[in-house]
Amino acid sequence: MIRGCTQVREGIQTTGIAIIYASSFGGHVAETAKYMAKELDADIFDLKKQTKINMTSYNRVIIGTGIHAGKPFGKVVSFVKDNKAVLDGKKTSLFICCMYMGDKGDAQCEKVSKDLGIPDAAYFPDKGETDENGVKKGVVSFIQRMKA
């Protein structure tokens, strides 16, 4: 698992978190990103619809991706690569929705995290346990960490 921000709106400083994701047909990443955005009062961006995102007003950026054939979605890879300088100046975290749990999930998360250059990463198995609200276990603790 993984290990308040400032945004200016009409001259007022508020907490600023951006969640930027790409999802597949299954939609697990989109569902997770939308839930996180609601809980964190974050702005949310779908890379399938928008690839140019002004991140200057965000102190925290959360990147979300699914995994296909062991690799993160291309739109996420491109976005992170194209915005590396900006992301390096922010609290940047990564969440992955994937098939694997346990050692395989850990290894996959570590590899993707390293490849993207985002060491603060967590994964949520598609078929993993959910809480009483249907939320993947681990998502709530990830959200709590993002609030810190």
Protein backbone atom coordinates (compact mmCIF):
# COMPACT_ATOMS: atom_id res chain seq x y z
CA MET A 1 0.00 0.00 0.00
CA ILE A 2 0.89 3.63 -0.21
CA ARG A 3 2.16 5.56 1.89
CA GLY A 4 -4.58 19.54 2.01
CA CYS A 5 -3.13 21.34 -0.56
CA THR A 6 -3.56 24.84 -1.86
CA GLN A 7 -5.67 25.88 -4.81
CA VAL A 8 -6.61 29.45 -5.65
CA ARG A 9 -10.23 30.02 -6.62
CA GLU A 10 -11.47 33.59 -6.92
CA GLY A 11 -8.62 34.77 -4.70
CA ILE A 12 -9.47 32.32 -1.90
CA GLN A 13 -7.03 29.57 -1.02
CA THR A 14 -8.63 26.16 -0.66
CA THR A 15 -7.49 22.56 -0.58
CA GLY A 16 -6.47 21.45 -4.07
CA ILE A 17 -6.24 17.85 -5.17
CA ALA A 18 -6.40 16.63 -8.75
CA ILE A 19 -7.23 13.03 -9.63
CA ILE A 20 -6.13 12.18 -13.16
CA TYR A 21 -6.95 8.73 -14.53
CA ALA A 22 -7.48 6.48 -17.50
CA SER A 23 -9.93 3.59 -17.33
CA SER A 24 -10.89 0.64 -19.50
CA PHE A 25 -14.17 -1.00 -20.36
CA GLY A 26 -14.49 -2.56 -16.90
CA GLY A 27 -14.49 0.87 -15.31
CA HIS A 28 -12.88 -0.05 -11.99
CA VAL A 29 -10.39 2.81 -12.22
CA ALA A 30 -13.14 5.32 -13.09
CA GLU A 31 -15.33 4.11 -10.23
CA THR A 32 -12.43 4.32 -7.79
CA ALA A 33 -11.35 7.76 -9.05
CA LYS A 34 -14.89 9.14 -8.76
CA TYR A 35 -15.28 7.78 -5.24
CA MET A 36 -11.93 9.29 -4.21
CA ALA A 37 -12.82 12.64 -5.80
CA LYS A 38 -16.05 12.76 -3.82
CA GLU A 39 -14.36 11.85 -0.54
CA LEU A 40 -11.42 14.21 -1.07
CA ASP A 41 -13.41 17.06 -2.65
CA ALA A 42 -10.96 16.78 -5.53
CA ASP A 43 -11.13 17.82 -9.17
CA ILE A 44 -11.17 14.83 -11.50
CA PHE A 45 -9.85 14.46 -15.04
CA ASP A 46 -10.39 11.53 -17.44
CA LEU A 47 -7.42 11.23 -19.81
CA LYS A 48 -9.70 9.70 -22.45
CA LYS A 49 -11.48 13.05 -22.65
CA GLN A 50 -8.73 15.52 -21.74
CA THR A 51 -4.95 15.22 -21.94
CA LYS A 52 -3.95 18.87 -21.38
CA ILE A 53 -4.45 19.66 -17.70
CA ASN A 54 -3.22 22.78 -15.94
CA MET A 55 -1.91 21.50 -12.62
CA THR A 56 -0.45 24.74 -11.29
CA SER A 57 -3.16 25.20 -8.65
CA TYR A 58 -2.82 21.71 -7.19
CA ASN A 59 -0.37 20.63 -4.51
CA ARG A 60 -1.42 16.98 -4.64
CA VAL A 61 -1.95 14.98 -7.83
CA ILE A 62 -3.26 11.42 -7.74
CA ILE A 63 -2.77 9.36 -10.89
CA GLY A 64 -4.98 6.32 -11.50
CA THR A 65 -4.55 3.54 -14.03
CA GLY A 66 -5.59 0.04 -14.83
CA ILE A 67 -3.18 -2.60 -16.05
CA HIS A 68 -3.37 -4.39 -19.40
CA ALA A 69 -0.84 -7.08 -20.28
CA GLY A 70 1.22 -6.01 -17.27
CA LYS A 71 1.46 -2.37 -18.30
CA PRO A 72 -0.34 0.83 -17.27
CA PHE A 73 -2.61 2.45 -19.81
CA GLY A 74 -0.74 4.33 -22.53
CA LYS A 75 -2.55 7.60 -21.86
CA VAL A 76 -1.29 7.54 -18.27
CA VAL A 77 2.29 6.73 -19.34
CA SER A 78 2.25 9.58 -21.88
CA PHE A 79 0.70 12.05 -19.44
CA VAL A 80 3.22 11.29 -16.69
CA LYS A 81 6.13 11.46 -19.15
CA ASP A 82 4.93 14.72 -20.71
CA ASN A 83 4.33 16.35 -17.30
CA LYS A 84 7.24 14.94 -15.31
CA ALA A 85 8.71 18.34 -14.40
CA VAL A 86 5.39 19.59 -13.04
CA LEU A 87 4.60 16.35 -11.20
CA ASP A 88 8.05 16.30 -9.58
CA GLY A 89 7.15 19.56 -7.83
CA LYS A 90 3.92 18.15 -6.34
CA LYS A 91 2.85 15.51 -3.86
CA THR A 92 2.17 12.84 -6.45
CA SER A 93 0.63 9.46 -5.73
CA LEU A 94 -0.45 6.54 -7.88
CA PHE A 95 -3.25 4.02 -7.59
CA ILE A 96 -3.60 0.95 -9.74
CA CYS A 97 -6.63 -1.28 -10.27
CA CYS A 98 -5.40 -4.70 -11.34
CA MET A 99 -6.19 -8.42 -11.40
CA TYR A 100 -3.53 -9.56 -8.96
CA MET A 101 -3.39 -9.74 -5.18
CA GLY A 102 -0.64 -10.76 -2.79
CA ASP A 103 2.93 -11.13 -4.02
CA LYS A 104 1.96 -10.78 -7.70
CA GLY A 105 0.00 -7.60 -6.97
CA ASP A 106 2.85 -6.20 -4.88
CA ALA A 107 5.37 -6.93 -7.63
CA GLN A 108 3.18 -5.42 -10.33
CA CYS A 109 2.56 -2.27 -8.28
CA GLU A 110 6.28 -1.88 -7.55
CA LYS A 111 7.18 -2.27 -11.23
CA VAL A 112 4.58 0.20 -12.50
CA SER A 113 5.42 2.65 -9.72
CA LYS A 114 9.12 2.48 -10.63
CA ASP A 115 8.47 2.71 -14.39
CA LEU A 116 6.30 5.82 -13.91
CA GLY A 117 8.65 7.37 -11.37
CA ILE A 118 5.92 7.67 -8.72
CA PRO A 119 7.14 5.87 -5.58
CA ASP A 120 4.00 6.62 -3.52
CA ALA A 121 1.75 3.89 -4.94
CA ALA A 122 -1.04 1.52 -3.96
CA TYR A 123 -3.04 -1.11 -5.80
CA PHE A 124 -6.58 -2.34 -5.49
CA PRO A 125 -7.33 -5.81 -6.92
CA ASP A 126 -10.41 -5.89 -9.18
CA LYS A 127 -11.68 -8.99 -7.41
CA GLY A 128 -10.46 -7.96 -3.98
CA GLU A 129 -12.58 -7.67 -0.88
CA THR A 130 -14.95 -4.76 -0.46
CA ASP A 131 -16.31 -3.08 2.64
CA GLU A 132 -19.99 -2.82 3.58
CA ASN A 133 -20.40 0.07 1.08
CA GLY A 134 -18.92 -1.89 -1.82
CA VAL A 135 -15.64 0.06 -1.72
CA LYS A 136 -12.45 -1.91 -2.35
CA LYS A 137 -10.51 -2.58 0.83
CA GLY A 138 -7.53 -0.30 0.98
CA VAL A 139 -9.21 2.59 -0.83
CA VAL A 140 -10.44 4.18 2.40
CA SER A 141 -6.98 4.03 4.01
CA PHE A 142 -5.46 5.44 0.80
CA ILE A 143 -7.92 8.34 0.94
CA GLN A 144 -7.04 9.00 4.59
CA ARG A 145 -3.36 9.17 3.62
CA MET A 146 -4.14 11.63 0.84
CA LYS A 147 -5.90 13.90 3.35
CA ALA A 148 -2.79 14.06 5.55
